[in-house]
């Protein structure tokens, strides 16, 4: 999921890169923008290595912006949220992003038929 300008942690070597590291863990895409973005941007500008862990893909969430709540967006919500997250992390100044971790509830929800097809792969 990482873009060329935002490497995954595979490119981070803590021995070679002795900078302090700020690790942010957020539950959903867009949390990185609404919770602490200014702090991350400030530390990144000061040379601190900034890393984001986003625990879910957001594809099971609600669309709160009425202009985005359209069938073509809903059909590809996982892709839309991934692109929004990629762009947001570039703007804020994250150096790296871990792929989503998922949630133990999702296996139970999938087994019960409660998740949309293709979500939380």
PDB file of N, CA and C in Angstrom:
ATOM      1  N   UNK A   1       0.794  -1.195   0.000  1.00  0.00           N
ATOM      2  CA  UNK A   1       0.000   0.000   0.000  1.00  0.00           C
ATOM      3  C   UNK A   1       0.839   1.263   0.000  1.00  0.00           C
ATOM      4  N   UNK A   2       2.074   1.188   0.359  1.00  0.00           N
ATOM      5  CA  UNK A   2       2.904   2.373   0.455  1.00  0.00           C
ATOM      6  C   UNK A   2       3.256   2.894  -0.923  1.00  0.00           C
ATOM      7  N   UNK A   3       3.294   4.213  -1.070  1.00  0.00           N
ATOM      8  CA  UNK A   3       3.679   4.815  -2.336  1.00  0.00           C
ATOM      9  C   UNK A   3       5.192   4.974  -2.363  1.00  0.00           C
ATOM     10  N   UNK A   4       5.695   5.387  -3.521  1.00  0.00           N
ATOM     11  CA  UNK A   4       7.134   5.569  -3.668  1.00  0.00           C
ATOM     12  C   UNK A   4       7.657   6.622  -2.696  1.00  0.00           C
ATOM     13  N   UNK A   5       6.842   7.629  -2.381  1.00  0.00           N
ATOM     14  CA  UNK A   5       7.308   8.683  -1.491  1.00  0.00           C
ATOM     15  C   UNK A   5       7.091   8.357  -0.019  1.00  0.00           C
ATOM     16  N   UNK A   6       6.423   7.260   0.268  1.00  0.00           N
ATOM     17  CA  UNK A   6       6.170   6.872   1.656  1.00  0.00           C
ATOM     18  C   UNK A   6       6.536   5.409   1.817  1.00  0.00           C
ATOM     19  N   UNK A   7       7.788   5.115   2.202  1.00  0.00           N
ATOM     20  CA  UNK A   7       8.217   3.719   2.275  1.00  0.00           C
ATOM     21  C   UNK A   7       7.540   2.966   3.404  1.00  0.00           C
ATOM     22  N   UNK A   8       7.457   1.648   3.252  1.00  0.00           N
ATOM     23  CA  UNK A   8       6.988   0.852   4.376  1.00  0.00           C
ATOM     24  C   UNK A   8       8.171   0.666   5.322  1.00  0.00           C
ATOM     25  N   UNK A   9       7.944   0.038   6.449  1.00  0.00           N
ATOM     26  CA  UNK A   9       9.009  -0.075   7.449  1.00  0.00           C
ATOM     27  C   UNK A   9      10.150  -0.971   7.008  1.00  0.00           C
ATOM     28  N   UNK A  10       9.981  -1.712   5.926  1.00  0.00           N
ATOM     29  CA  UNK A  10      11.065  -2.549   5.433  1.00  0.00           C
ATOM     30  C   UNK A  10      12.306  -1.745   5.080  1.00  0.00           C
ATOM     31  N   UNK A  11      12.124  -0.452   4.789  1.00  0.00           N
ATOM     32  CA  UNK A  11      13.259   0.392   4.433  1.00  0.00           C
ATOM     33  C   UNK A  11      13.846   1.126   5.638  1.00  0.00           C
ATOM     34  N   UNK A  12      13.280   0.950   6.804  1.00  0.00           N
ATOM     35  CA  UNK A  12      13.759   1.632   8.001  1.00  0.00           C
ATOM     36  C   UNK A  12      14.691   0.724   8.771  1.00  0.00           C
ATOM     37  N   UNK A  13      15.911   1.165   8.948  1.00  0.00           N
ATOM     38  CA  UNK A  13      16.906   0.417   9.703  1.00  0.00           C
ATOM     39  C   UNK A  13      17.253   1.221  10.951  1.00  0.00           C
ATOM     40  N   UNK A  14      16.813   0.778  12.130  1.00  0.00           N
ATOM     41  CA  UNK A  14      17.050   1.565  13.341  1.00  0.00           C
ATOM     42  C   UNK A  14      18.528   1.709  13.693  1.00  0.00           C
ATOM     43  N   UNK A  15      19.368   0.841  13.179  1.00  0.00           N
ATOM     44  CA  UNK A  15      20.805   0.976  13.435  1.00  0.00           C
ATOM     45  C   UNK A  15      21.386   2.089  12.571  1.00  0.00           C
ATOM     46  N   UNK A  16      20.993   2.121  11.298  1.00  0.00           N
ATOM     47  CA  UNK A  16      21.495   3.143  10.381  1.00  0.00           C
ATOM     48  C   UNK A  16      20.832   4.498  10.619  1.00  0.00           C
ATOM     49  N   UNK A  17      19.586   4.488  10.993  1.00  0.00           N
ATOM     50  CA  UNK A  17      18.839   5.722  11.210  1.00  0.00           C
ATOM     51  C   UNK A  17      18.661   5.905  12.715  1.00  0.00           C
ATOM     52  N   UNK A  18      19.559   6.653  13.317  1.00  0.00           N
ATOM     53  CA  UNK A  18      19.555   6.803  14.776  1.00  0.00           C
ATOM     54  C   UNK A  18      18.669   7.960  15.235  1.00  0.00           C
ATOM     55  N   UNK A  19      17.865   8.525  14.334  1.00  0.00           N
ATOM     56  CA  UNK A  19      16.967   9.615  14.744  1.00  0.00           C
ATOM     57  C   UNK A  19      15.940   9.097  15.746  1.00  0.00           C
ATOM     58  N   UNK A  20      15.438   9.972  16.592  1.00  0.00           N
ATOM     59  CA  UNK A  20      14.292   9.578  17.421  1.00  0.00           C
ATOM     60  C   UNK A  20      13.129   9.205  16.508  1.00  0.00           C
ATOM     61  N   UNK A  21      12.247   8.378  17.011  1.00  0.00           N
ATOM     62  CA  UNK A  21      11.120   7.909  16.206  1.00  0.00           C
ATOM     63  C   UNK A  21       9.813   8.183  16.937  1.00  0.00           C
ATOM     64  N   UNK A  22       8.863   8.768  16.228  1.00  0.00           N
ATOM     65  CA  UNK A  22       7.519   8.998  16.745  1.00  0.00           C
ATOM     66  C   UNK A  22       6.602   7.981  16.073  1.00  0.00           C
ATOM     67  N   UNK A  23       6.052   7.063  16.861  1.00  0.00           N
ATOM     68  CA  UNK A  23       5.143   6.031  16.355  1.00  0.00           C
ATOM     69  C   UNK A  23       3.718   6.408  16.749  1.00  0.00           C
ATOM     70  N   UNK A  24       2.850   6.528  15.762  1.00  0.00           N
ATOM     71  CA  UNK A  24       1.436   6.851  16.000  1.00  0.00           C
ATOM     72  C   UNK A  24       0.598   5.646  15.599  1.00  0.00           C
ATOM     73  N   UNK A  25      -0.314   5.257  16.472  1.00  0.00           N
ATOM     74  CA  UNK A  25      -1.208   4.131  16.197  1.00  0.00           C
ATOM     75  C   UNK A  25      -2.634   4.667  16.204  1.00  0.00           C
ATOM     76  N   UNK A  26      -3.313   4.495  15.086  1.00  0.00           N
ATOM     77  CA  UNK A  26      -4.691   4.958  14.954  1.00  0.00           C
ATOM     78  C   UNK A  26      -5.579   3.806  14.509  1.00  0.00           C
ATOM     79  N   UNK A  27      -6.815   3.845  14.916  1.00  0.00           N
ATOM     80  CA  UNK A  27      -7.757   2.780  14.601  1.00  0.00           C
ATOM     81  C   UNK A  27      -8.211   2.816  13.149  1.00  0.00           C
ATOM     82  N   UNK A  28      -8.467   4.003  12.618  1.00  0.00           N
ATOM     83  CA  UNK A  28      -9.101   4.115  11.304  1.00  0.00           C
ATOM     84  C   UNK A  28      -8.384   5.127  10.428  1.00  0.00           C
ATOM     85  N   UNK A  29      -8.494   4.960   9.103  1.00  0.00           N
ATOM     86  CA  UNK A  29      -8.031   6.020   8.206  1.00  0.00           C
ATOM     87  C   UNK A  29      -8.831   7.288   8.508  1.00  0.00           C
ATOM     88  N   UNK A  30      -8.230   8.368   8.461  1.00  0.00           N
ATOM     89  CA  UNK A  30      -8.645   9.750   8.735  1.00  0.00           C
ATOM     90  C   UNK A  30      -8.354  10.146  10.172  1.00  0.00           C
ATOM     91  N   UNK A  31      -8.138   9.164  11.063  1.00  0.00           N
ATOM     92  CA  UNK A  31      -7.742   9.508  12.426  1.00  0.00           C
ATOM     93  C   UNK A  31      -6.383  10.204  12.433  1.00  0.00           C
ATOM     94  N   UNK A  32      -5.507   9.829  11.494  1.00  0.00           N
ATOM     95  CA  UNK A  32      -4.182  10.450  11.437  1.00  0.00           C
ATOM     96  C   UNK A  32      -4.276  11.936  11.122  1.00  0.00           C
ATOM     97  N   UNK A  33      -5.353  12.336  10.435  1.00  0.00           N
ATOM     98  CA  UNK A  33      -5.533  13.738  10.071  1.00  0.00           C
ATOM     99  C   UNK A  33      -6.228  14.533  11.169  1.00  0.00           C
ATOM    100  N   UNK A  34      -7.067  13.875  11.954  1.00  0.00           N
ATOM    101  CA  UNK A  34      -7.859  14.597  12.945  1.00  0.00           C
ATOM    102  C   UNK A  34      -7.310  14.491  14.366  1.00  0.00           C
ATOM    103  N   UNK A  35      -6.308  13.674  14.559  1.00  0.00           N
ATOM    104  CA  UNK A  35      -5.772  13.468  15.911  1.00  0.00           C
ATOM    105  C   UNK A  35      -4.244  13.559  15.885  1.00  0.00           C
ATOM    106  N   UNK A  36      -3.734  14.721  16.135  1.00  0.00           N
ATOM    107  CA  UNK A  36      -2.287  14.888  16.273  1.00  0.00           C
ATOM    108  C   UNK A  36      -1.524  15.203  15.005  1.00  0.00           C
ATOM    109  N   UNK A  37      -2.204  15.534  13.919  1.00  0.00           N
ATOM    110  CA  UNK A  37      -1.510  15.786  12.657  1.00  0.00           C
ATOM    111  C   UNK A  37      -0.500  16.928  12.770  1.00  0.00           C
ATOM    112  N   UNK A  38      -0.879  17.984  13.462  1.00  0.00           N
ATOM    113  CA  UNK A  38       0.031  19.116  13.620  1.00  0.00           C
ATOM    114  C   UNK A  38       1.280  18.748  14.407  1.00  0.00           C
ATOM    115  N   UNK A  39       1.111  17.906  15.402  1.00  0.00           N
ATOM    116  CA  UNK A  39       2.248  17.450  16.208  1.00  0.00           C
ATOM    117  C   UNK A  39       3.194  16.596  15.365  1.00  0.00           C
ATOM    118  N   UNK A  40       2.622  15.672  14.595  1.00  0.00           N
ATOM    119  CA  UNK A  40       3.448  14.825  13.736  1.00  0.00           C
ATOM    120  C   UNK A  40       4.199  15.681  12.721  1.00  0.00           C
ATOM    121  N   UNK A  41       3.507  16.627  12.092  1.00  0.00           N
ATOM    122  CA  UNK A  41       4.149  17.496  11.102  1.00  0.00           C
ATOM    123  C   UNK A  41       5.305  18.278  11.732  1.00  0.00           C
ATOM    124  N   UNK A  42       5.104  18.759  12.932  1.00  0.00           N
ATOM    125  CA  UNK A  42       6.151  19.526  13.611  1.00  0.00           C
ATOM    126  C   UNK A  42       7.379  18.655  13.903  1.00  0.00           C
ATOM    127  N   UNK A  43       7.138  17.451  14.439  1.00  0.00           N
ATOM    128  CA  UNK A  43       8.265  16.562  14.733  1.00  0.00           C
ATOM    129  C   UNK A  43       8.964  16.115  13.451  1.00  0.00           C
ATOM    130  N   UNK A  44       8.191  15.827  12.417  1.00  0.00           N
ATOM    131  CA  UNK A  44       8.788  15.435  11.134  1.00  0.00           C
ATOM    132  C   UNK A  44       9.687  16.556  10.609  1.00  0.00           C
ATOM    133  N   UNK A  45       9.197  17.789  10.679  1.00  0.00           N
ATOM    134  CA  UNK A  45       9.988  18.935  10.220  1.00  0.00           C
ATOM    135  C   UNK A  45      11.265  19.112  11.034  1.00  0.00           C
ATOM    136  N   UNK A  46      11.232  18.661  12.290  1.00  0.00           N
ATOM    137  CA  UNK A  46      12.409  18.758  13.159  1.00  0.00           C
ATOM    138  C   UNK A  46      13.369  17.588  12.970  1.00  0.00           C
ATOM    139  N   UNK A  47      13.048  16.661  12.060  1.00  0.00           N
ATOM    140  CA  UNK A  47      13.956  15.560  11.767  1.00  0.00           C
ATOM    141  C   UNK A  47      13.650  14.255  12.466  1.00  0.00           C
ATOM    142  N   UNK A  48      12.544  14.195  13.191  1.00  0.00           N
ATOM    143  CA  UNK A  48      12.155  12.955  13.868  1.00  0.00           C
ATOM    144  C   UNK A  48      11.560  12.002  12.825  1.00  0.00           C
ATOM    145  N   UNK A  49      11.928  10.731  12.899  1.00  0.00           N
ATOM    146  CA  UNK A  49      11.368   9.704  12.017  1.00  0.00           C
ATOM    147  C   UNK A  49       9.929   9.447  12.455  1.00  0.00           C
ATOM    148  N   UNK A  50       8.962   9.623  11.560  1.00  0.00           N
ATOM    149  CA  UNK A  50       7.546   9.502  11.908  1.00  0.00           C
ATOM    150  C   UNK A  50       6.935   8.292  11.221  1.00  0.00           C
ATOM    151  N   UNK A  51       6.270   7.454  12.000  1.00  0.00           N
ATOM    152  CA  UNK A  51       5.708   6.194  11.512  1.00  0.00           C
ATOM    153  C   UNK A  51       4.235   6.107  11.921  1.00  0.00           C
ATOM    154  N   UNK A  52       3.404   5.664  11.000  1.00  0.00           N
ATOM    155  CA  UNK A  52       1.987   5.493  11.267  1.00  0.00           C
ATOM    156  C   UNK A  52       1.606   4.021  11.188  1.00  0.00           C
ATOM    157  N   UNK A  53       0.846   3.562  12.174  1.00  0.00           N
ATOM    158  CA  UNK A  53       0.174   2.264  12.125  1.00  0.00           C
ATOM    159  C   UNK A  53      -1.318   2.573  12.083  1.00  0.00           C
ATOM    160  N   UNK A  54      -1.979   2.136  11.026  1.00  0.00           N
ATOM    161  CA  UNK A  54      -3.423   2.309  10.913  1.00  0.00           C
ATOM    162  C   UNK A  54      -4.030   0.910  11.010  1.00  0.00           C
ATOM    163  N   UNK A  55      -4.801   0.682  12.036  1.00  0.00           N
ATOM    164  CA  UNK A  55      -5.227  -0.677  12.375  1.00  0.00           C
ATOM    165  C   UNK A  55      -6.261  -1.282  11.430  1.00  0.00           C
ATOM    166  N   UNK A  56      -7.076  -0.469  10.793  1.00  0.00           N
ATOM    167  CA  UNK A  56      -8.078  -1.007   9.869  1.00  0.00           C
ATOM    168  C   UNK A  56      -8.047  -0.216   8.574  1.00  0.00           C
ATOM    169  N   UNK A  57      -8.732  -0.707   7.585  1.00  0.00           N
ATOM    170  CA  UNK A  57      -8.789  -0.033   6.299  1.00  0.00           C
ATOM    171  C   UNK A  57      -9.912   0.974   6.174  1.00  0.00           C
ATOM    172  N   UNK A  58     -10.860   0.973   7.103  1.00  0.00           N
ATOM    173  CA  UNK A  58     -11.947   1.929   7.065  1.00  0.00           C
ATOM    174  C   UNK A  58     -13.079   1.580   6.117  1.00  0.00           C
ATOM    175  N   UNK A  59     -12.966   0.438   5.449  1.00  0.00           N
ATOM    176  CA  UNK A  59     -13.981   0.093   4.450  1.00  0.00           C
ATOM    177  C   UNK A  59     -15.322  -0.312   5.051  1.00  0.00           C
ATOM    178  N   UNK A  60     -15.365  -0.539   6.344  1.00  0.00           N
ATOM    179  CA  UNK A  60     -16.638  -0.853   6.996  1.00  0.00           C
ATOM    180  C   UNK A  60     -17.243   0.382   7.660  1.00  0.00           C
ATOM    181  N   UNK A  61     -16.570   1.524   7.522  1.00  0.00           N
ATOM    182  CA  UNK A  61     -17.041   2.733   8.183  1.00  0.00           C
ATOM    183  C   UNK A  61     -18.124   3.449   7.404  1.00  0.00           C
ATOM    184  N   UNK A  62     -18.628   4.482   8.008  1.00  0.00           N
ATOM    185  CA  UNK A  62     -19.659   5.315   7.395  1.00  0.00           C
ATOM    186  C   UNK A  62     -19.010   6.385   6.535  1.00  0.00           C
ATOM    187  N   UNK A  63     -19.740   6.850   5.551  1.00  0.00           N
ATOM    188  CA  UNK A  63     -19.315   7.988   4.736  1.00  0.00           C
ATOM    189  C   UNK A  63     -20.085   9.187   5.266  1.00  0.00           C
ATOM    190  N   UNK A  64     -19.372  10.090   5.935  1.00  0.00           N
ATOM    191  CA  UNK A  64     -20.025  11.215   6.596  1.00  0.00           C
ATOM    192  C   UNK A  64     -20.201  12.427   5.682  1.00  0.00           C
ATOM    193  N   UNK A  65     -19.436  12.494   4.609  1.00  0.00           N
ATOM    194  CA  UNK A  65     -19.542  13.598   3.665  1.00  0.00           C
ATOM    195  C   UNK A  65     -20.623  13.243   2.636  1.00  0.00           C
ATOM    196  N   UNK A  66     -21.758  13.944   2.639  1.00  0.00           N
ATOM    197  CA  UNK A  66     -22.853  13.593   1.728  1.00  0.00           C
ATOM    198  C   UNK A  66     -22.454  13.606   0.253  1.00  0.00           C
ATOM    199  N   UNK A  67     -21.500  14.460  -0.121  1.00  0.00           N
ATOM    200  CA  UNK A  67     -21.075  14.507  -1.521  1.00  0.00           C
ATOM    201  C   UNK A  67     -20.285  13.265  -1.925  1.00  0.00           C
ATOM    202  N   UNK A  68     -19.704  12.573  -0.963  1.00  0.00           N
ATOM    203  CA  UNK A  68     -18.954  11.346  -1.259  1.00  0.00           C
ATOM    204  C   UNK A  68     -19.813  10.094  -1.106  1.00  0.00           C
ATOM    205  N   UNK A  69     -20.979  10.230  -0.544  1.00  0.00           N
ATOM    206  CA  UNK A  69     -21.849   9.072  -0.306  1.00  0.00           C
ATOM    207  C   UNK A  69     -22.619   8.748  -1.586  1.00  0.00           C
ATOM    208  N   UNK A  70     -21.880   8.155  -2.532  1.00  0.00           N
ATOM    209  CA  UNK A  70     -22.432   7.794  -3.836  1.00  0.00           C
ATOM    210  C   UNK A  70     -22.138   6.326  -4.093  1.00  0.00           C
ATOM    211  N   UNK A  71     -22.946   5.652  -4.906  1.00  0.00           N
ATOM    212  CA  UNK A  71     -22.739   4.220  -5.167  1.00  0.00           C
ATOM    213  C   UNK A  71     -21.338   3.896  -5.684  1.00  0.00           C
ATOM    214  N   UNK A  72     -20.806   4.708  -6.591  1.00  0.00           N
ATOM    215  CA  UNK A  72     -19.479   4.419  -7.145  1.00  0.00           C
ATOM    216  C   UNK A  72     -18.369   4.539  -6.106  1.00  0.00           C
ATOM    217  N   UNK A  73     -18.573   5.361  -5.081  1.00  0.00           N
ATOM    218  CA  UNK A  73     -17.604   5.455  -3.985  1.00  0.00           C
ATOM    219  C   UNK A  73     -17.777   4.272  -3.046  1.00  0.00           C
ATOM    220  N   UNK A  74     -19.016   3.959  -2.702  1.00  0.00           N
ATOM    221  CA  UNK A  74     -19.275   2.816  -1.808  1.00  0.00           C
ATOM    222  C   UNK A  74     -18.717   1.514  -2.385  1.00  0.00           C
ATOM    223  N   UNK A  75     -18.836   1.324  -3.695  1.00  0.00           N
ATOM    224  CA  UNK A  75     -18.365   0.091  -4.343  1.00  0.00           C
ATOM    225  C   UNK A  75     -16.864  -0.087  -4.226  1.00  0.00           C
ATOM    226  N   UNK A  76     -16.135   0.999  -4.150  1.00  0.00           N
ATOM    227  CA  UNK A  76     -14.677   0.910  -4.066  1.00  0.00           C
ATOM    228  C   UNK A  76     -14.143   1.665  -2.844  1.00  0.00           C
ATOM    229  N   UNK A  77     -14.887   1.543  -1.747  1.00  0.00           N
ATOM    230  CA  UNK A  77     -14.561   2.283  -0.529  1.00  0.00           C
ATOM    231  C   UNK A  77     -13.171   1.939   0.000  1.00  0.00           C
ATOM    232  N   UNK A  78     -12.763   0.685  -0.070  1.00  0.00           N
ATOM    233  CA  UNK A  78     -11.420   0.313   0.409  1.00  0.00           C
ATOM    234  C   UNK A  78     -10.346   1.051  -0.386  1.00  0.00           C
ATOM    235  N   UNK A  79     -10.496   1.116  -1.708  1.00  0.00           N
ATOM    236  CA  UNK A  79      -9.524   1.834  -2.551  1.00  0.00           C
ATOM    237  C   UNK A  79      -9.529   3.323  -2.243  1.00  0.00           C
ATOM    238  N   UNK A  80     -10.714   3.887  -2.084  1.00  0.00           N
ATOM    239  CA  UNK A  80     -10.836   5.314  -1.787  1.00  0.00           C
ATOM    240  C   UNK A  80     -10.153   5.633  -0.464  1.00  0.00           C
ATOM    241  N   UNK A  81     -10.417   4.836   0.554  1.00  0.00           N
ATOM    242  CA  UNK A  81      -9.808   5.086   1.873  1.00  0.00           C
ATOM    243  C   UNK A  81      -8.289   4.900   1.832  1.00  0.00           C
ATOM    244  N   UNK A  82      -7.820   3.931   1.056  1.00  0.00           N
ATOM    245  CA  UNK A  82      -6.374   3.727   0.926  1.00  0.00           C
ATOM    246  C   UNK A  82      -5.714   4.935   0.286  1.00  0.00           C
ATOM    247  N   UNK A  83      -6.317   5.448  -0.765  1.00  0.00           N
ATOM    248  CA  UNK A  83      -5.762   6.624  -1.443  1.00  0.00           C
ATOM    249  C   UNK A  83      -5.842   7.859  -0.544  1.00  0.00           C
ATOM    250  N   UNK A  84      -6.932   8.032   0.166  1.00  0.00           N
ATOM    251  CA  UNK A  84      -7.043   9.158   1.097  1.00  0.00           C
ATOM    252  C   UNK A  84      -5.957   9.084   2.174  1.00  0.00           C
ATOM    253  N   UNK A  85      -5.722   7.885   2.690  1.00  0.00           N
ATOM    254  CA  UNK A  85      -4.700   7.696   3.717  1.00  0.00           C
ATOM    255  C   UNK A  85      -3.314   7.975   3.156  1.00  0.00           C
ATOM    256  N   UNK A  86      -3.040   7.483   1.951  1.00  0.00           N
ATOM    257  CA  UNK A  86      -1.741   7.719   1.322  1.00  0.00           C
ATOM    258  C   UNK A  86      -1.484   9.212   1.173  1.00  0.00           C
ATOM    259  N   UNK A  87      -2.454   9.916   0.651  1.00  0.00           N
ATOM    260  CA  UNK A  87      -2.287  11.355   0.424  1.00  0.00           C
ATOM    261  C   UNK A  87      -2.168  12.117   1.747  1.00  0.00           C
ATOM    262  N   UNK A  88      -2.969  11.757   2.708  1.00  0.00           N
ATOM    263  CA  UNK A  88      -2.931  12.415   4.012  1.00  0.00           C
ATOM    264  C   UNK A  88      -1.570  12.259   4.671  1.00  0.00           C
ATOM    265  N   UNK A  89      -1.025  11.046   4.636  1.00  0.00           N
ATOM    266  CA  UNK A  89       0.268  10.819   5.287  1.00  0.00           C
ATOM    267  C   UNK A  89       1.391  11.571   4.581  1.00  0.00           C
ATOM    268  N   UNK A  90       1.272  11.730   3.273  1.00  0.00           N
ATOM    269  CA  UNK A  90       2.272  12.535   2.553  1.00  0.00           C
ATOM    270  C   UNK A  90       2.199  13.998   2.984  1.00  0.00           C
ATOM    271  N   UNK A  91       0.998  14.528   3.087  1.00  0.00           N
ATOM    272  CA  UNK A  91       0.817  15.934   3.457  1.00  0.00           C
ATOM    273  C   UNK A  91       1.285  16.185   4.887  1.00  0.00           C
ATOM    274  N   UNK A  92       0.936  15.297   5.798  1.00  0.00           N
ATOM    275  CA  UNK A  92       1.305  15.470   7.208  1.00  0.00           C
ATOM    276  C   UNK A  92       2.811  15.328   7.396  1.00  0.00           C
ATOM    277  N   UNK A  93       3.415  14.368   6.700  1.00  0.00           N
ATOM    278  CA  UNK A  93       4.854  14.190   6.793  1.00  0.00           C
ATOM    279  C   UNK A  93       5.289  12.899   7.435  1.00  0.00           C
ATOM    280  N   UNK A  94       4.477  11.866   7.346  1.00  0.00           N
ATOM    281  CA  UNK A  94       4.918  10.561   7.850  1.00  0.00           C
ATOM    282  C   UNK A  94       6.015  10.008   6.950  1.00  0.00           C
ATOM    283  N   UNK A  95       7.049   9.427   7.569  1.00  0.00           N
ATOM    284  CA  UNK A  95       8.130   8.803   6.809  1.00  0.00           C
ATOM    285  C   UNK A  95       7.782   7.385   6.387  1.00  0.00           C
ATOM    286  N   UNK A  96       6.980   6.703   7.173  1.00  0.00           N
ATOM    287  CA  UNK A  96       6.652   5.302   6.889  1.00  0.00           C
ATOM    288  C   UNK A  96       5.271   4.988   7.424  1.00  0.00           C
ATOM    289  N   UNK A  97       4.679   3.959   6.838  1.00  0.00           N
ATOM    290  CA  UNK A  97       3.344   3.532   7.251  1.00  0.00           C
ATOM    291  C   UNK A  97       3.312   2.018   7.258  1.00  0.00           C
ATOM    292  N   UNK A  98       2.843   1.460   8.359  1.00  0.00           N
ATOM    293  CA  UNK A  98       2.650   0.009   8.428  1.00  0.00           C
ATOM    294  C   UNK A  98       1.315  -0.344   7.801  1.00  0.00           C
ATOM    295  N   UNK A  99       1.239  -1.470   7.128  1.00  0.00           N
ATOM    296  CA  UNK A  99      -0.068  -1.908   6.616  1.00  0.00           C
ATOM    297  C   UNK A  99      -1.030  -2.119   7.773  1.00  0.00           C
ATOM    298  N   UNK A 100      -2.287  -2.056   7.474  1.00  0.00           N
ATOM    299  CA  UNK A 100      -3.290  -2.204   8.539  1.00  0.00           C
ATOM    300  C   UNK A 100      -3.128  -3.536   9.262  1.00  0.00           C
ATOM    301  N   UNK A 101      -3.475  -3.535  10.515  1.00  0.00           N
ATOM    302  CA  UNK A 101      -3.319  -4.715  11.348  1.00  0.00           C
ATOM    303  C   UNK A 101      -4.566  -5.576  11.395  1.00  0.00           C
ATOM    304  N   UNK A 102      -5.726  -4.969  11.198  1.00  0.00           N
ATOM    305  CA  UNK A 102      -6.965  -5.733  11.279  1.00  0.00           C
ATOM    306  C   UNK A 102      -7.492  -5.771  12.696  1.00  0.00           C
ATOM    307  N   UNK A 103      -8.492  -6.580  12.907  1.00  0.00           N
ATOM    308  CA  UNK A 103      -9.184  -6.606  14.185  1.00  0.00           C
ATOM    309  C   UNK A 103      -9.723  -8.016  14.381  1.00  0.00           C
ATOM    310  N   UNK A 104      -9.553  -8.586  15.553  1.00  0.00           N
ATOM    311  CA  UNK A 104     -10.000  -9.962  15.811  1.00  0.00           C
ATOM    312  C   UNK A 104     -11.497 -10.121  15.600  1.00  0.00           C
ATOM    313  N   UNK A 105     -12.252  -9.046  15.800  1.00  0.00           N
ATOM    314  CA  UNK A 105     -13.703  -9.126  15.589  1.00  0.00           C
ATOM    315  C   UNK A 105     -14.050  -9.455  14.152  1.00  0.00           C
ATOM    316  N   UNK A 106     -13.191  -9.047  13.219  1.00  0.00           N
ATOM    317  CA  UNK A 106     -13.529  -9.194  11.807  1.00  0.00           C
ATOM    318  C   UNK A 106     -13.692 -10.653  11.389  1.00  0.00           C
ATOM    319  N   UNK A 107     -12.902 -11.541  11.930  1.00  0.00           N
ATOM    320  CA  UNK A 107     -13.053 -12.962  11.590  1.00  0.00           C
ATOM    321  C   UNK A 107     -14.421 -13.467  12.032  1.00  0.00           C
ATOM    322  N   UNK A 108     -14.841 -13.052  13.212  1.00  0.00           N
ATOM    323  CA  UNK A 108     -16.169 -13.461  13.698  1.00  0.00           C
ATOM    324  C   UNK A 108     -17.278 -12.827  12.867  1.00  0.00           C
ATOM    325  N   UNK A 109     -17.106 -11.543  12.518  1.00  0.00           N
ATOM    326  CA  UNK A 109     -18.111 -10.867  11.708  1.00  0.00           C
ATOM    327  C   UNK A 109     -18.194 -11.476  10.310  1.00  0.00           C
ATOM    328  N   UNK A 110     -17.043 -11.804   9.740  1.00  0.00           N
ATOM    329  CA  UNK A 110     -17.030 -12.427   8.412  1.00  0.00           C
ATOM    330  C   UNK A 110     -17.742 -13.778   8.465  1.00  0.00           C
ATOM    331  N   UNK A 111     -17.443 -14.580   9.482  1.00  0.00           N
ATOM    332  CA  UNK A 111     -18.071 -15.900   9.618  1.00  0.00           C
ATOM    333  C   UNK A 111     -19.585 -15.780   9.771  1.00  0.00           C
ATOM    334  N   UNK A 112     -20.037 -14.709  10.379  1.00  0.00           N
ATOM    335  CA  UNK A 112     -21.474 -14.508  10.578  1.00  0.00           C
ATOM    336  C   UNK A 112     -22.130 -13.831   9.376  1.00  0.00           C
ATOM    337  N   UNK A 113     -21.334 -13.531   8.333  1.00  0.00           N
ATOM    338  CA  UNK A 113     -21.885 -12.896   7.143  1.00  0.00           C
ATOM    339  C   UNK A 113     -22.209 -11.422   7.324  1.00  0.00           C
ATOM    340  N   UNK A 114     -21.539 -10.764   8.268  1.00  0.00           N
ATOM    341  CA  UNK A 114     -21.851  -9.373   8.572  1.00  0.00           C
ATOM    342  C   UNK A 114     -20.977  -8.361   7.837  1.00  0.00           C
ATOM    343  N   UNK A 115     -19.932  -8.821   7.127  1.00  0.00           N
ATOM    344  CA  UNK A 115     -19.043  -7.906   6.423  1.00  0.00           C
ATOM    345  C   UNK A 115     -19.350  -7.901   4.931  1.00  0.00           C
ATOM    346  N   UNK A 116     -19.158  -6.736   4.310  1.00  0.00           N
ATOM    347  CA  UNK A 116     -19.330  -6.653   2.872  1.00  0.00           C
ATOM    348  C   UNK A 116     -18.292  -7.527   2.181  1.00  0.00           C
ATOM    349  N   UNK A 117     -18.644  -8.176   1.062  1.00  0.00           N
ATOM    350  CA  UNK A 117     -17.682  -8.992   0.318  1.00  0.00           C
ATOM    351  C   UNK A 117     -16.451  -8.156  -0.075  1.00  0.00           C
ATOM    352  N   UNK A 118     -15.280  -8.743   0.103  1.00  0.00           N
ATOM    353  CA  UNK A 118     -14.029  -8.088  -0.263  1.00  0.00           C
ATOM    354  C   UNK A 118     -13.457  -7.160   0.788  1.00  0.00           C
ATOM    355  N   UNK A 119     -14.154  -6.941   1.874  1.00  0.00           N
ATOM    356  CA  UNK A 119     -13.634  -6.049   2.900  1.00  0.00           C
ATOM    357  C   UNK A 119     -12.704  -6.812   3.839  1.00  0.00           C
ATOM    358  N   UNK A 120     -11.778  -6.105   4.405  1.00  0.00           N
ATOM    359  CA  UNK A 120     -10.849  -6.647   5.416  1.00  0.00           C
ATOM    360  C   UNK A 120     -10.192  -7.940   4.965  1.00  0.00           C
ATOM    361  N   UNK A 121      -9.577  -7.888   3.829  1.00  0.00           N
ATOM    362  CA  UNK A 121      -8.879  -9.056   3.283  1.00  0.00           C
ATOM    363  C   UNK A 121      -7.733  -9.449   4.164  1.00  0.00           C
TER     364      UNK A 121
END
